[in-house]
Amino acid sequence: MKLTTEQIDRLYKFTIQHYVEYYDLQTELVDHLANSIEQQWQENPNISFEDALQVEFKKFGIFGFTDLIKERQKALIKRYNKIHRMHLKEFFKMPKIIMTAGAIFLVYQILKYFFQETHQFSKEVRFLQGLVLAVFLFGGGIVSIINIRKKRRRIKQGGKRWLLKEMIFSSGTSWTSFLWPLFMIYQTPRLLMFYGLSPEVLYSSISLFITSVLYVTCVFSMYVMIKVIPRKADEYLRQTYPEYEISK
């Protein structure tokens, strides 16, 4: 016996009723449930569809589909991180490495101007901190608002939701993400101080260079999350989900 179209639709509704929001996870579960029900029918042709469904669902335990969803989320997070690293590495290869080196040099010169002369947090340094904080908070807020509105429009338009797609369009848009570069520029010297380094070493050229590299890397990392990966979202979704193009 094979499941009918109506029964397959019932399985999709069943996964939605049990809080599976994303179509890719729903499809994976429906395939699993359908195969298991058909196997039950081979062993016991008299069992009803609903009874067979409940028997199979009980095998997932008291938490239902939660564990399977978590496993799938971990797998897709690894895939997203792999994509992110691939694009970030491009900034450290020719020809983009020239731009990267220029950005590091610029940040280094700014840090050197504010830190290396006085070895302390002067009024100029506090002004720089406030300015950088304001820029990143404002930029983070604007981007967050824009992406929240885009997400609401996608939900209103309906259609199928894909877990990887949600990751792509949600990563790097929170205010926390925009504060990472700020964290880098403030905390790297303090981290070195934690290990007992003197102010002379703390604000040495090497220390400021390390801070500059971390800062620029963090900024480019954000750029990859916010601009580069979303532009190629359809390509990565087609690679991950063979049925993505058909379901659009």
Protein backbone atom coordinates (compact mmCIF):
# COMPACT_ATOMS: atom_id res chain seq x y z
CA MET A 1 0.00 0.00 0.00
CA LYS A 2 1.10 3.53 -0.81
CA LEU A 3 0.00 6.77 0.80
CA THR A 4 -2.50 8.87 -1.12
CA THR A 5 -2.08 12.57 -1.87
CA GLU A 6 -4.61 13.37 0.85
CA GLN A 7 -2.64 11.34 3.38
CA ILE A 8 0.60 13.07 2.43
CA ASP A 9 -1.15 16.42 2.95
CA ARG A 10 -2.32 15.16 6.31
CA LEU A 11 1.30 14.41 7.27
CA TYR A 12 2.36 17.94 6.38
CA LYS A 13 -0.46 19.35 8.50
CA PHE A 14 0.55 16.98 11.30
CA THR A 15 4.12 18.35 11.35
CA ILE A 16 2.79 21.92 11.40
CA GLN A 17 0.51 21.05 14.32
CA HIS A 18 3.61 19.86 16.17
CA TYR A 19 5.46 23.15 15.68
CA VAL A 20 7.62 22.32 12.67
CA GLU A 21 7.66 25.68 10.88
CA TYR A 22 10.08 25.12 8.03
CA TYR A 23 9.18 23.35 4.81
CA ASP A 24 12.51 21.52 4.49
CA LEU A 25 12.10 20.00 7.96
CA GLN A 26 8.47 19.21 7.24
CA THR A 27 9.43 17.39 4.04
CA GLU A 28 12.14 15.41 5.79
CA LEU A 29 9.70 14.34 8.50
CA VAL A 30 6.92 13.56 6.02
CA ASP A 31 9.26 11.28 4.05
CA HIS A 32 10.26 9.50 7.23
CA LEU A 33 6.69 9.13 8.48
CA ALA A 34 5.39 7.98 5.09
CA ASN A 35 8.06 5.28 4.75
CA SER A 36 7.44 4.07 8.30
CA ILE A 37 3.65 3.94 7.82
CA GLU A 38 4.01 1.99 4.57
CA GLN A 39 6.34 -0.43 6.36
CA GLN A 40 3.75 -0.88 9.10
CA TRP A 41 1.13 -1.68 6.46
CA GLN A 42 3.35 -4.42 5.08
CA GLU A 43 3.50 -6.01 8.53
CA ASN A 44 -0.09 -5.24 9.48
CA PRO A 45 -2.38 -4.34 6.54
CA ASN A 46 -5.36 -3.82 8.88
CA ILE A 47 -3.89 -0.91 10.84
CA SER A 48 -5.46 2.43 9.94
CA PHE A 49 -3.49 5.38 8.67
CA GLU A 50 -4.11 7.46 11.81
CA ASP A 51 -3.18 4.62 14.15
CA ALA A 52 0.01 3.95 12.19
CA LEU A 53 0.85 7.67 12.34
CA GLN A 54 0.42 7.78 16.10
CA VAL A 55 2.52 4.65 16.55
CA GLU A 56 5.35 6.21 14.58
CA PHE A 57 5.06 9.58 16.31
CA LYS A 58 5.39 7.94 19.73
CA LYS A 59 8.82 6.66 18.69
CA PHE A 60 10.07 10.25 18.79
CA GLY A 61 9.53 10.33 22.56
CA ILE A 62 7.92 12.89 24.83
CA PHE A 63 9.61 15.82 23.06
CA GLY A 64 8.21 14.89 19.68
CA PHE A 65 10.15 16.28 16.74
CA THR A 66 12.28 18.59 18.89
CA ASP A 67 15.45 16.49 18.88
CA LEU A 68 15.33 15.93 15.13
CA ILE A 69 14.83 19.65 14.53
CA LYS A 70 17.85 20.47 16.70
CA GLU A 71 20.02 17.99 14.82
CA ARG A 72 18.97 19.48 11.49
CA GLN A 73 19.59 22.99 12.77
CA LYS A 74 23.12 22.03 13.85
CA ALA A 75 23.82 20.56 10.40
CA LEU A 76 22.59 23.71 8.64
CA ILE A 77 24.51 25.98 11.02
CA LYS A 78 27.68 24.10 10.05
CA ARG A 79 26.82 24.57 6.37
CA TYR A 80 26.16 28.28 6.87
CA ASN A 81 29.43 28.73 8.78
CA LYS A 82 31.30 26.93 6.00
CA ILE A 83 29.80 29.30 3.42
CA HIS A 84 30.65 32.28 5.61
CA ARG A 85 34.29 31.20 6.03
CA MET A 86 34.63 30.62 2.29
CA HIS A 87 33.58 34.18 1.49
CA LEU A 88 35.60 35.71 4.33
CA LYS A 89 38.77 34.00 3.10
CA GLU A 90 38.39 35.82 -0.22
CA PHE A 91 39.32 39.07 1.54
CA PHE A 92 42.71 37.57 2.34
CA LYS A 93 43.47 36.43 -1.20
CA MET A 94 44.40 38.36 -4.31
CA PRO A 95 43.13 40.81 -5.40
CA LYS A 96 41.00 41.66 -2.34
CA ILE A 97 43.94 41.31 0.03
CA ILE A 98 45.20 44.68 -1.24
CA MET A 99 41.99 46.32 0.00
CA THR A 100 42.21 44.35 3.26
CA ALA A 101 45.79 45.45 3.84
CA GLY A 102 44.81 49.05 3.16
CA ALA A 103 41.94 48.86 5.65
CA ILE A 104 44.20 47.33 8.32
CA PHE A 105 46.81 50.05 7.73
CA LEU A 106 44.18 52.80 8.06
CA VAL A 107 42.77 51.40 11.30
CA TYR A 108 46.30 50.92 12.62
CA GLN A 109 47.18 54.56 11.94
CA ILE A 110 44.02 55.75 13.71
CA LEU A 111 44.72 53.58 16.75
CA LYS A 112 48.34 54.66 16.79
CA TYR A 113 47.31 58.31 16.79
CA PHE A 114 44.90 57.93 19.69
CA PHE A 115 46.71 55.40 21.85
CA GLN A 116 50.43 55.20 21.31
CA GLU A 117 51.38 58.71 22.32
CA THR A 118 49.72 59.01 25.73
CA HIS A 119 49.43 55.35 26.86
CA GLN A 120 46.15 56.32 28.50
CA PHE A 121 42.54 57.07 27.67
CA SER A 122 42.56 60.79 26.96
CA LYS A 123 39.61 63.00 26.02
CA GLU A 124 40.35 62.29 22.38
CA VAL A 125 40.20 58.57 23.02
CA ARG A 126 36.90 58.86 24.86
CA PHE A 127 35.54 60.95 22.00
CA LEU A 128 36.64 58.27 19.52
CA GLN A 129 34.95 55.58 21.63
CA GLY A 130 31.69 57.54 21.75
CA LEU A 131 31.82 58.27 18.02
CA VAL A 132 32.46 54.65 17.04
CA LEU A 133 29.75 53.47 19.44
CA ALA A 134 27.23 55.92 17.98
CA VAL A 135 28.07 54.92 14.39
CA PHE A 136 27.71 51.20 15.04
CA LEU A 137 24.58 51.52 17.13
CA PHE A 138 22.95 53.72 14.49
CA GLY A 139 24.05 51.47 11.64
CA GLY A 140 23.01 48.35 13.53
CA GLY A 141 19.63 49.79 14.32
CA ILE A 142 18.96 50.84 10.71
CA VAL A 143 19.96 47.46 9.25
CA SER A 144 17.99 45.58 11.92
CA ILE A 145 14.84 47.60 11.17
CA ILE A 146 15.23 47.08 7.40
CA ASN A 147 15.65 43.30 7.79
CA ILE A 148 12.77 42.99 10.24
CA ARG A 149 10.51 44.73 7.70
CA LYS A 150 11.77 42.46 4.91
CA LYS A 151 11.08 39.41 7.05
CA ARG A 152 7.56 40.60 7.81
CA ARG A 153 6.90 41.16 4.10
CA ARG A 154 8.11 37.62 3.29
CA ILE A 155 5.81 36.19 5.96
CA LYS A 156 2.84 38.25 4.68
CA GLN A 157 3.50 37.08 1.14
CA GLY A 158 3.18 33.52 2.39
CA GLY A 159 4.97 30.69 0.67
CA LYS A 160 7.21 28.08 2.14
CA ARG A 161 9.73 28.83 4.86
CA TRP A 162 13.20 27.29 4.67
CA LEU A 163 15.48 27.00 7.68
CA LEU A 164 18.69 27.83 5.81
CA LYS A 165 16.99 30.81 4.19
CA GLU A 166 16.00 32.14 7.61
CA MET A 167 19.62 31.78 8.75
CA ILE A 168 20.93 33.62 5.70
CA PHE A 169 18.60 36.60 6.07
CA SER A 170 18.78 36.78 9.86
CA SER A 171 22.52 36.39 10.51
CA GLY A 172 24.50 39.52 11.19
CA THR A 173 21.48 41.80 11.51
CA SER A 174 21.12 42.00 15.27
CA TRP A 175 22.56 44.88 17.26
CA THR A 176 24.93 42.46 18.95
CA SER A 177 26.57 41.68 15.61
CA PHE A 178 27.23 45.37 15.00
CA LEU A 179 28.93 45.69 18.38
CA TRP A 180 31.52 42.99 17.65
CA PRO A 181 33.96 45.32 15.89
CA LEU A 182 33.56 47.78 18.75
CA PHE A 183 34.30 44.96 21.18
CA MET A 184 37.44 44.14 19.22
CA ILE A 185 38.79 47.67 19.25
CA TYR A 186 38.18 48.11 22.99
CA GLN A 187 38.86 44.71 24.46
CA THR A 188 41.95 43.46 22.64
CA PRO A 189 44.27 45.85 24.52
CA ARG A 190 42.51 45.03 27.79
CA LEU A 191 42.86 41.32 27.08
CA LEU A 192 46.59 41.79 26.66
CA MET A 193 46.68 43.80 29.89
CA PHE A 194 45.02 40.87 31.66
CA TYR A 195 48.17 38.85 31.01
CA GLY A 196 50.26 41.45 32.83
CA LEU A 197 51.58 43.43 29.90
CA SER A 198 52.86 46.91 30.65
CA PRO A 199 51.31 50.00 28.98
CA GLU A 200 54.36 50.27 26.73
CA VAL A 201 53.76 46.74 25.44
CA LEU A 202 49.98 47.16 25.57
CA TYR A 203 50.04 50.08 23.18
CA SER A 204 53.02 48.91 21.18
CA SER A 205 52.92 48.65 17.41
CA ILE A 206 52.40 44.88 17.62
CA SER A 207 49.44 45.19 19.98
CA LEU A 208 47.78 47.87 17.84
CA PHE A 209 48.44 45.87 14.69
CA ILE A 210 46.75 42.78 16.20
CA THR A 211 43.79 44.94 17.21
CA SER A 212 43.59 46.39 13.68
CA VAL A 213 43.60 42.94 12.06
CA LEU A 214 40.86 41.68 14.37
CA TYR A 215 38.78 44.80 13.84
CA VAL A 216 38.97 44.70 10.04
CA THR A 217 38.32 40.95 9.97
CA CYS A 218 35.23 41.45 12.11
CA VAL A 219 33.92 44.25 9.86
CA PHE A 220 34.42 42.13 6.73
CA SER A 221 32.76 39.20 8.50
CA MET A 222 29.69 41.36 9.09
CA TYR A 223 29.74 42.51 5.47
CA VAL A 224 29.75 38.90 4.28
CA MET A 225 26.78 38.05 6.49
CA ILE A 226 24.76 41.13 5.59
CA LYS A 227 25.52 41.61 1.89
CA VAL A 228 27.49 38.81 0.21
CA ILE A 229 25.66 35.67 1.33
CA PRO A 230 22.09 37.06 0.98
CA ARG A 231 22.85 38.03 -2.63
CA LYS A 232 23.64 34.38 -3.37
CA ALA A 233 20.84 32.95 -1.23
CA ASP A 234 18.97 31.26 -4.11
CA GLU A 235 22.15 29.56 -5.31
CA TYR A 236 22.91 28.08 -1.89
CA LEU A 237 19.30 27.09 -1.32
CA ARG A 238 19.19 25.21 -4.64
CA GLN A 239 22.40 23.41 -3.70
CA THR A 240 20.98 22.42 -0.31
CA TYR A 241 17.40 21.64 -1.34
CA PRO A 242 16.87 19.96 -4.74
CA GLU A 243 13.16 20.73 -4.48
CA TYR A 244 13.68 24.45 -3.78
CA GLU A 245 13.36 25.65 -7.39
CA ILE A 246 10.20 23.61 -7.96
CA SER A 247 8.53 24.87 -4.80
CA LYS A 248 9.19 28.59 -5.41
